[in-house]
Amino acid sequence: MSESGDRPAGTGGCLCGAVRYRVDGPLRSIIACHCGQCRRMSGHHTAATAAARGDLEIYSSGALAWYESSPGVRRGFCQTCGSSLFWDNETRDYVAIFAGSLDSPTGLKLVQHIHTADKGDYYEIADGLPALPGWMAEA
């Protein structure tokens, strides 16, 4: 992910408040993912930042659940309200955090679109940001 737009720690959580988290390190710039899995999970494309695995502290009253969406990849969500919160690939040193779950203000900016070849046919990407047909290049 791009390192431009990094900022200090942040907090966030789900809609009902049963899952909260804190990031004690920089958050990366926002990336929009248009893959089929993200669209089905969220109802549209997703927008996510990321934090180093060791910088993320999750507080949950037992409501956090994980769904393995592909081998070695899981998605974290609140089983009480259904909020999508995390994307975690065991081979990466970071955890993606869905931008809509962050407490405002975030100070972050959308910098790129990925998996645009899979985007829905009902919308256009017209913001002029870099748009990759597949996965992004590793930073």
N, C-alpha and C. Protein backbone atom coordinates (compact mmCIF):
# COMPACT_ATOMS: atom_id res chain seq x y z
N MET A 1 0.83 -1.18 0.00
CA MET A 1 0.00 0.00 0.00
C MET A 1 0.87 1.24 0.00
N SER A 2 0.33 2.31 -0.49
CA SER A 2 1.06 3.56 -0.54
C SER A 2 1.28 4.11 0.86
N GLU A 3 2.44 4.65 1.09
CA GLU A 3 2.72 5.22 2.40
C GLU A 3 2.36 6.70 2.46
N SER A 4 2.05 7.34 1.31
CA SER A 4 1.70 8.75 1.35
C SER A 4 0.37 8.90 2.08
N GLY A 5 0.24 9.92 2.87
CA GLY A 5 -0.98 10.15 3.62
C GLY A 5 -1.02 9.45 4.95
N ASP A 6 0.09 8.85 5.39
CA ASP A 6 0.10 8.18 6.69
C ASP A 6 -0.20 9.19 7.79
N ARG A 7 -0.78 8.71 8.87
CA ARG A 7 -1.09 9.58 10.00
C ARG A 7 -0.94 8.78 11.27
N PRO A 8 -0.92 9.46 12.41
CA PRO A 8 -0.79 8.73 13.68
C PRO A 8 -2.03 7.91 14.02
N ALA A 9 -1.98 7.28 15.17
CA ALA A 9 -2.99 6.34 15.66
C ALA A 9 -4.43 6.81 15.47
N GLY A 10 -5.33 5.83 15.43
CA GLY A 10 -6.74 6.11 15.31
C GLY A 10 -7.56 5.08 16.06
N THR A 11 -8.85 5.31 16.11
CA THR A 11 -9.77 4.39 16.77
C THR A 11 -10.96 4.16 15.84
N GLY A 12 -11.71 3.12 16.14
CA GLY A 12 -12.89 2.85 15.35
C GLY A 12 -13.67 1.69 15.93
N GLY A 13 -14.70 1.29 15.21
CA GLY A 13 -15.52 0.19 15.68
C GLY A 13 -16.72 -0.05 14.79
N CYS A 14 -17.53 -0.97 15.24
CA CYS A 14 -18.73 -1.36 14.48
C CYS A 14 -19.90 -0.44 14.79
N LEU A 15 -20.99 -0.65 14.10
CA LEU A 15 -22.19 0.18 14.24
C LEU A 15 -22.78 0.11 15.64
N CYS A 16 -22.84 -1.07 16.24
CA CYS A 16 -23.48 -1.22 17.55
C CYS A 16 -22.53 -0.98 18.72
N GLY A 17 -21.23 -0.90 18.46
CA GLY A 17 -20.26 -0.65 19.52
C GLY A 17 -19.74 -1.89 20.22
N ALA A 18 -20.17 -3.07 19.81
CA ALA A 18 -19.71 -4.30 20.45
C ALA A 18 -18.25 -4.62 20.13
N VAL A 19 -17.75 -4.09 19.00
CA VAL A 19 -16.34 -4.26 18.63
C VAL A 19 -15.74 -2.88 18.47
N ARG A 20 -14.66 -2.64 19.17
CA ARG A 20 -13.90 -1.39 19.07
C ARG A 20 -12.45 -1.75 18.86
N TYR A 21 -11.70 -0.85 18.26
CA TYR A 21 -10.27 -1.09 18.06
C TYR A 21 -9.50 0.21 18.17
N ARG A 22 -8.21 0.06 18.38
CA ARG A 22 -7.28 1.18 18.44
C ARG A 22 -6.05 0.80 17.64
N VAL A 23 -5.52 1.78 16.91
CA VAL A 23 -4.29 1.59 16.16
C VAL A 23 -3.24 2.48 16.79
N ASP A 24 -2.17 1.87 17.27
CA ASP A 24 -1.07 2.61 17.90
C ASP A 24 0.10 2.72 16.94
N GLY A 25 -0.14 3.25 15.78
CA GLY A 25 0.87 3.43 14.75
C GLY A 25 0.21 4.07 13.56
N PRO A 26 0.96 4.31 12.50
CA PRO A 26 0.40 4.99 11.33
C PRO A 26 -0.62 4.14 10.58
N LEU A 27 -1.58 4.82 10.01
CA LEU A 27 -2.54 4.20 9.10
C LEU A 27 -2.13 4.58 7.68
N ARG A 28 -2.32 3.67 6.76
CA ARG A 28 -1.97 3.92 5.37
C ARG A 28 -3.10 4.64 4.65
N SER A 29 -2.78 5.20 3.49
CA SER A 29 -3.78 5.87 2.67
C SER A 29 -4.88 4.87 2.26
N ILE A 30 -6.03 5.41 1.90
CA ILE A 30 -7.19 4.59 1.57
C ILE A 30 -7.08 4.03 0.14
N ILE A 31 -7.37 2.74 0.02
CA ILE A 31 -7.44 2.05 -1.26
C ILE A 31 -8.87 1.55 -1.44
N ALA A 32 -9.45 1.76 -2.61
CA ALA A 32 -10.79 1.23 -2.91
C ALA A 32 -10.64 -0.08 -3.67
N CYS A 33 -11.28 -1.13 -3.17
CA CYS A 33 -11.22 -2.44 -3.82
C CYS A 33 -12.59 -2.75 -4.45
N HIS A 34 -12.55 -3.12 -5.72
CA HIS A 34 -13.76 -3.40 -6.49
C HIS A 34 -13.93 -4.88 -6.81
N CYS A 35 -13.18 -5.76 -6.11
CA CYS A 35 -13.29 -7.20 -6.40
C CYS A 35 -14.68 -7.72 -6.04
N GLY A 36 -15.03 -8.84 -6.61
CA GLY A 36 -16.34 -9.43 -6.38
C GLY A 36 -16.60 -9.77 -4.92
N GLN A 37 -15.57 -10.26 -4.21
CA GLN A 37 -15.77 -10.60 -2.79
C GLN A 37 -16.07 -9.35 -1.97
N CYS A 38 -15.32 -8.27 -2.19
CA CYS A 38 -15.58 -7.04 -1.42
C CYS A 38 -16.96 -6.47 -1.75
N ARG A 39 -17.33 -6.53 -3.04
CA ARG A 39 -18.65 -6.01 -3.40
C ARG A 39 -19.77 -6.82 -2.76
N ARG A 40 -19.64 -8.12 -2.72
CA ARG A 40 -20.68 -8.95 -2.10
C ARG A 40 -20.73 -8.75 -0.58
N MET A 41 -19.56 -8.60 0.02
CA MET A 41 -19.50 -8.43 1.47
C MET A 41 -20.08 -7.09 1.91
N SER A 42 -19.83 -6.05 1.12
CA SER A 42 -20.23 -4.71 1.55
C SER A 42 -21.47 -4.17 0.86
N GLY A 43 -21.84 -4.75 -0.27
CA GLY A 43 -22.95 -4.20 -1.03
C GLY A 43 -22.49 -3.22 -2.09
N HIS A 44 -21.21 -2.93 -2.14
CA HIS A 44 -20.62 -2.01 -3.12
C HIS A 44 -19.12 -2.28 -3.08
N HIS A 45 -18.31 -1.35 -3.54
CA HIS A 45 -16.87 -1.55 -3.38
C HIS A 45 -16.49 -1.19 -1.94
N THR A 46 -15.29 -1.60 -1.52
CA THR A 46 -14.85 -1.26 -0.18
C THR A 46 -13.75 -0.21 -0.25
N ALA A 47 -13.56 0.48 0.83
CA ALA A 47 -12.47 1.44 0.99
C ALA A 47 -11.78 1.06 2.29
N ALA A 48 -10.47 0.86 2.23
CA ALA A 48 -9.76 0.39 3.41
C ALA A 48 -8.41 1.07 3.56
N THR A 49 -8.00 1.20 4.79
CA THR A 49 -6.66 1.60 5.16
C THR A 49 -5.98 0.35 5.69
N ALA A 50 -4.80 0.47 6.24
CA ALA A 50 -4.13 -0.69 6.83
C ALA A 50 -3.22 -0.24 7.95
N ALA A 51 -2.98 -1.15 8.88
CA ALA A 51 -2.09 -0.90 10.01
C ALA A 51 -1.21 -2.12 10.20
N ALA A 52 -0.02 -1.90 10.70
CA ALA A 52 0.85 -3.02 11.02
C ALA A 52 0.13 -3.92 12.01
N ARG A 53 0.27 -5.21 11.81
CA ARG A 53 -0.41 -6.21 12.64
C ARG A 53 -0.22 -5.93 14.14
N GLY A 54 0.99 -5.61 14.55
CA GLY A 54 1.27 -5.37 15.96
C GLY A 54 0.75 -4.05 16.51
N ASP A 55 0.31 -3.15 15.62
CA ASP A 55 -0.22 -1.85 16.05
C ASP A 55 -1.72 -1.86 16.28
N LEU A 56 -2.40 -2.95 15.90
CA LEU A 56 -3.86 -3.03 16.01
C LEU A 56 -4.25 -3.77 17.28
N GLU A 57 -5.04 -3.10 18.11
CA GLU A 57 -5.58 -3.72 19.33
C GLU A 57 -7.10 -3.73 19.21
N ILE A 58 -7.69 -4.92 19.30
CA ILE A 58 -9.14 -5.08 19.13
C ILE A 58 -9.78 -5.37 20.48
N TYR A 59 -10.87 -4.64 20.77
CA TYR A 59 -11.66 -4.85 21.97
C TYR A 59 -13.02 -5.36 21.52
N SER A 60 -13.45 -6.49 22.05
CA SER A 60 -14.73 -7.06 21.63
C SER A 60 -15.40 -7.74 22.81
N SER A 61 -16.70 -7.62 22.85
CA SER A 61 -17.47 -8.33 23.87
C SER A 61 -17.85 -9.72 23.36
N GLY A 62 -16.99 -10.30 22.57
CA GLY A 62 -17.28 -11.61 21.99
C GLY A 62 -18.03 -11.51 20.67
N ALA A 63 -18.24 -10.29 20.17
CA ALA A 63 -19.01 -10.11 18.95
C ALA A 63 -18.18 -10.21 17.68
N LEU A 64 -16.85 -10.10 17.78
CA LEU A 64 -16.01 -10.18 16.59
C LEU A 64 -15.99 -11.61 16.06
N ALA A 65 -16.28 -11.76 14.78
CA ALA A 65 -16.23 -13.06 14.13
C ALA A 65 -15.37 -12.94 12.88
N TRP A 66 -14.80 -14.06 12.47
CA TRP A 66 -13.95 -14.10 11.29
C TRP A 66 -14.52 -15.11 10.31
N TYR A 67 -14.50 -14.74 9.03
CA TYR A 67 -14.94 -15.61 7.95
C TYR A 67 -13.77 -15.81 6.99
N GLU A 68 -13.37 -17.06 6.75
CA GLU A 68 -12.28 -17.34 5.82
C GLU A 68 -12.86 -17.29 4.40
N SER A 69 -12.57 -16.19 3.69
CA SER A 69 -13.13 -15.98 2.36
C SER A 69 -12.31 -16.64 1.25
N SER A 70 -11.06 -16.92 1.50
CA SER A 70 -10.16 -17.66 0.60
C SER A 70 -9.10 -18.28 1.49
N PRO A 71 -8.37 -19.26 0.98
CA PRO A 71 -7.33 -19.87 1.81
C PRO A 71 -6.33 -18.83 2.33
N GLY A 72 -6.18 -18.78 3.65
CA GLY A 72 -5.25 -17.85 4.28
C GLY A 72 -5.74 -16.42 4.40
N VAL A 73 -6.96 -16.16 3.95
CA VAL A 73 -7.52 -14.80 3.99
C VAL A 73 -8.83 -14.85 4.77
N ARG A 74 -8.96 -13.94 5.73
CA ARG A 74 -10.20 -13.90 6.51
C ARG A 74 -10.69 -12.47 6.61
N ARG A 75 -11.98 -12.34 6.85
CA ARG A 75 -12.65 -11.05 6.97
C ARG A 75 -13.30 -10.99 8.35
N GLY A 76 -13.02 -9.90 9.07
CA GLY A 76 -13.56 -9.72 10.41
C GLY A 76 -14.79 -8.84 10.39
N PHE A 77 -15.80 -9.25 11.14
CA PHE A 77 -17.05 -8.50 11.19
C PHE A 77 -17.70 -8.66 12.55
N CYS A 78 -18.62 -7.77 12.86
CA CYS A 78 -19.38 -7.87 14.11
C CYS A 78 -20.56 -8.79 13.88
N GLN A 79 -20.66 -9.85 14.68
CA GLN A 79 -21.79 -10.76 14.50
C GLN A 79 -23.07 -10.23 15.10
N THR A 80 -23.02 -9.13 15.82
CA THR A 80 -24.23 -8.52 16.35
C THR A 80 -24.90 -7.61 15.32
N CYS A 81 -24.13 -6.65 14.76
CA CYS A 81 -24.73 -5.70 13.82
C CYS A 81 -24.35 -5.94 12.37
N GLY A 82 -23.37 -6.81 12.13
CA GLY A 82 -22.98 -7.15 10.76
C GLY A 82 -21.94 -6.23 10.13
N SER A 83 -21.44 -5.25 10.87
CA SER A 83 -20.45 -4.33 10.30
C SER A 83 -19.20 -5.06 9.84
N SER A 84 -18.75 -4.75 8.63
CA SER A 84 -17.48 -5.26 8.11
C SER A 84 -16.37 -4.39 8.67
N LEU A 85 -15.34 -5.03 9.22
CA LEU A 85 -14.30 -4.28 9.91
C LEU A 85 -12.89 -4.51 9.38
N PHE A 86 -12.51 -5.77 9.11
CA PHE A 86 -11.12 -6.10 8.80
C PHE A 86 -11.00 -7.08 7.63
N TRP A 87 -9.86 -7.01 6.97
CA TRP A 87 -9.43 -7.99 5.97
C TRP A 87 -8.03 -8.39 6.37
N ASP A 88 -7.80 -9.68 6.54
CA ASP A 88 -6.53 -10.16 7.07
C ASP A 88 -6.00 -11.31 6.22
N ASN A 89 -4.85 -11.09 5.60
CA ASN A 89 -4.16 -12.12 4.82
C ASN A 89 -2.96 -12.54 5.66
N GLU A 90 -2.90 -13.81 6.04
CA GLU A 90 -1.86 -14.28 6.96
C GLU A 90 -0.45 -14.09 6.42
N THR A 91 -0.28 -13.87 5.11
CA THR A 91 1.06 -13.68 4.54
C THR A 91 1.52 -12.22 4.59
N ARG A 92 0.68 -11.33 5.02
CA ARG A 92 1.03 -9.90 5.04
C ARG A 92 1.36 -9.46 6.46
N ASP A 93 2.12 -8.38 6.57
CA ASP A 93 2.49 -7.86 7.89
C ASP A 93 1.52 -6.79 8.38
N TYR A 94 0.42 -6.62 7.68
CA TYR A 94 -0.58 -5.63 8.06
C TYR A 94 -1.97 -6.26 8.04
N VAL A 95 -2.91 -5.54 8.67
CA VAL A 95 -4.32 -5.89 8.63
C VAL A 95 -5.04 -4.71 7.98
N ALA A 96 -5.87 -4.97 6.99
CA ALA A 96 -6.67 -3.91 6.38
C ALA A 96 -7.85 -3.61 7.29
N ILE A 97 -8.16 -2.33 7.40
CA ILE A 97 -9.26 -1.84 8.25
C ILE A 97 -10.21 -1.06 7.35
N PHE A 98 -11.48 -1.44 7.35
CA PHE A 98 -12.43 -0.75 6.50
C PHE A 98 -12.61 0.69 6.96
N ALA A 99 -12.41 1.60 6.03
CA ALA A 99 -12.34 3.03 6.34
C ALA A 99 -13.60 3.56 7.00
N GLY A 100 -14.74 3.04 6.63
CA GLY A 100 -16.00 3.51 7.21
C GLY A 100 -16.14 3.19 8.68
N SER A 101 -15.31 2.28 9.19
CA SER A 101 -15.38 1.94 10.62
C SER A 101 -14.50 2.84 11.49
N LEU A 102 -13.71 3.71 10.87
CA LEU A 102 -12.84 4.62 11.62
C LEU A 102 -13.62 5.77 12.22
N ASP A 103 -13.23 6.18 13.41
CA ASP A 103 -13.80 7.39 14.00
C ASP A 103 -13.26 8.60 13.25
N SER A 104 -14.10 9.60 13.04
CA SER A 104 -13.69 10.83 12.36
C SER A 104 -13.13 11.83 13.36
N PRO A 105 -12.29 12.73 12.92
CA PRO A 105 -11.75 12.83 11.57
C PRO A 105 -10.61 11.85 11.36
N THR A 106 -10.46 11.37 10.13
CA THR A 106 -9.40 10.41 9.85
C THR A 106 -8.15 11.09 9.30
N GLY A 107 -8.32 12.16 8.54
CA GLY A 107 -7.19 12.82 7.91
C GLY A 107 -6.62 12.02 6.75
N LEU A 108 -7.29 10.93 6.36
CA LEU A 108 -6.80 10.07 5.28
C LEU A 108 -7.44 10.45 3.95
N LYS A 109 -6.83 10.01 2.87
CA LYS A 109 -7.35 10.29 1.54
C LYS A 109 -7.34 9.01 0.70
N LEU A 110 -8.34 8.89 -0.18
CA LEU A 110 -8.38 7.81 -1.16
C LEU A 110 -7.29 8.08 -2.19
N VAL A 111 -6.44 7.07 -2.47
CA VAL A 111 -5.32 7.28 -3.39
C VAL A 111 -5.33 6.35 -4.59
N GLN A 112 -6.13 5.27 -4.57
CA GLN A 112 -6.04 4.28 -5.64
C GLN A 112 -7.25 3.35 -5.63
N HIS A 113 -7.56 2.80 -6.80
CA HIS A 113 -8.59 1.77 -6.96
C HIS A 113 -7.89 0.50 -7.41
N ILE A 114 -8.32 -0.66 -6.88
CA ILE A 114 -7.76 -1.95 -7.31
C ILE A 114 -8.90 -2.89 -7.71
N HIS A 115 -8.54 -3.91 -8.46
CA HIS A 115 -9.49 -4.90 -8.98
C HIS A 115 -10.62 -4.25 -9.78
N THR A 116 -10.27 -3.23 -10.55
CA THR A 116 -11.29 -2.52 -11.33
C THR A 116 -11.86 -3.38 -12.46
N ALA A 117 -11.14 -4.41 -12.87
CA ALA A 117 -11.68 -5.32 -13.91
C ALA A 117 -12.92 -6.06 -13.39
N ASP A 118 -13.07 -6.15 -12.07
CA ASP A 118 -14.20 -6.84 -11.45
C ASP A 118 -15.31 -5.91 -10.99
N LYS A 119 -15.16 -4.62 -11.23
CA LYS A 119 -16.13 -3.66 -10.69
C LYS A 119 -17.54 -3.93 -11.20
N GLY A 120 -18.51 -3.46 -10.46
CA GLY A 120 -19.90 -3.63 -10.87
C GLY A 120 -20.19 -2.84 -12.14
N ASP A 121 -21.17 -3.29 -12.90
CA ASP A 121 -21.51 -2.62 -14.15
C ASP A 121 -22.43 -1.42 -13.95
N TYR A 122 -22.80 -1.13 -12.73
CA TYR A 122 -23.75 -0.07 -12.43
C TYR A 122 -23.10 1.24 -12.01
N TYR A 123 -21.78 1.32 -12.02
CA TYR A 123 -21.10 2.57 -11.66
C TYR A 123 -19.83 2.75 -12.46
N GLU A 124 -19.36 3.97 -12.51
CA GLU A 124 -18.11 4.32 -13.18
C GLU A 124 -17.12 4.82 -12.14
N ILE A 125 -15.85 4.65 -12.42
CA ILE A 125 -14.78 5.20 -11.60
C ILE A 125 -14.27 6.42 -12.36
N ALA A 126 -14.59 7.60 -11.88
CA ALA A 126 -14.29 8.81 -12.64
C ALA A 126 -13.58 9.87 -11.81
N ASP A 127 -12.88 9.45 -10.76
CA ASP A 127 -12.23 10.45 -9.90
C ASP A 127 -10.80 10.78 -10.33
N GLY A 128 -10.29 10.11 -11.38
CA GLY A 128 -8.96 10.41 -11.88
C GLY A 128 -7.82 9.77 -11.10
N LEU A 129 -8.13 9.00 -10.08
CA LEU A 129 -7.08 8.33 -9.31
C LEU A 129 -6.57 7.10 -10.06
N PRO A 130 -5.36 6.63 -9.75
CA PRO A 130 -4.87 5.41 -10.39
C PRO A 130 -5.85 4.26 -10.17
N ALA A 131 -6.08 3.49 -11.25
CA ALA A 131 -7.03 2.38 -11.20
C ALA A 131 -6.38 1.16 -11.83
N LEU A 132 -6.14 0.14 -11.03
CA LEU A 132 -5.50 -1.08 -11.49
C LEU A 132 -6.54 -2.17 -11.75
N PRO A 133 -6.41 -2.93 -12.83
CA PRO A 133 -7.38 -3.97 -13.12
C PRO A 133 -7.32 -5.13 -12.13
N GLY A 134 -6.18 -5.33 -11.45
CA GLY A 134 -6.02 -6.40 -10.48
C GLY A 134 -5.47 -5.88 -9.17
N TRP A 135 -4.66 -6.72 -8.54
CA TRP A 135 -4.06 -6.39 -7.24
C TRP A 135 -3.04 -5.29 -7.42
N MET A 136 -2.78 -4.52 -6.39
CA MET A 136 -1.81 -3.44 -6.44
C MET A 136 -0.38 -3.98 -6.31
N ALA A 137 0.55 -3.20 -6.78
CA ALA A 137 1.96 -3.55 -6.61
C ALA A 137 2.32 -3.41 -5.15
N GLU A 138 3.15 -4.29 -4.67
CA GLU A 138 3.58 -4.21 -3.27
C GLU A 138 4.43 -2.98 -3.05
N ALA A 139 4.17 -2.28 -1.96
CA ALA A 139 4.94 -1.08 -1.63
C ALA A 139 6.23 -1.44 -0.92
